[in-house]
Protein backbone atom coordinates (compact mmCIF):
# COMPACT_ATOMS: atom_id res chain seq x y z
CA UNK A 1 102.10 120.54 123.99
CA UNK A 2 105.35 120.62 124.45
CA UNK A 3 108.32 119.16 121.91
CA UNK A 4 108.52 115.95 124.32
CA UNK A 5 105.40 115.12 122.70
CA UNK A 6 104.97 116.93 119.96
CA UNK A 7 107.67 115.08 118.34
CA UNK A 8 107.14 111.51 118.74
CA UNK A 9 103.59 112.38 117.61
CA UNK A 10 104.72 113.70 114.35
CA UNK A 11 107.02 110.75 113.74
CA UNK A 12 104.38 108.43 113.69
CA UNK A 13 101.52 110.36 111.89
CA UNK A 14 104.22 111.50 109.05
CA UNK A 15 104.27 108.24 107.51
CA UNK A 16 100.49 107.56 108.08
CA UNK A 17 99.62 111.23 106.42
CA UNK A 18 102.32 110.27 103.34
CA UNK A 19 100.32 106.87 102.83
CA UNK A 20 97.43 108.20 102.63
CA UNK A 21 98.10 111.23 100.34
CA UNK A 22 99.81 108.49 98.14
CA UNK A 23 96.77 106.42 97.95
CA UNK A 24 95.22 109.71 96.90
CA UNK A 25 97.16 110.85 94.36
CA UNK A 26 96.88 106.89 92.90
CA UNK A 27 93.05 107.14 92.92
């Protein structure tokens, strides 16, 4: 996987992962 593909994927996944972590911490 090239960085040109990985970079936008990380930008999309990072906020979603952070939201999941926050929901787990609050639970």
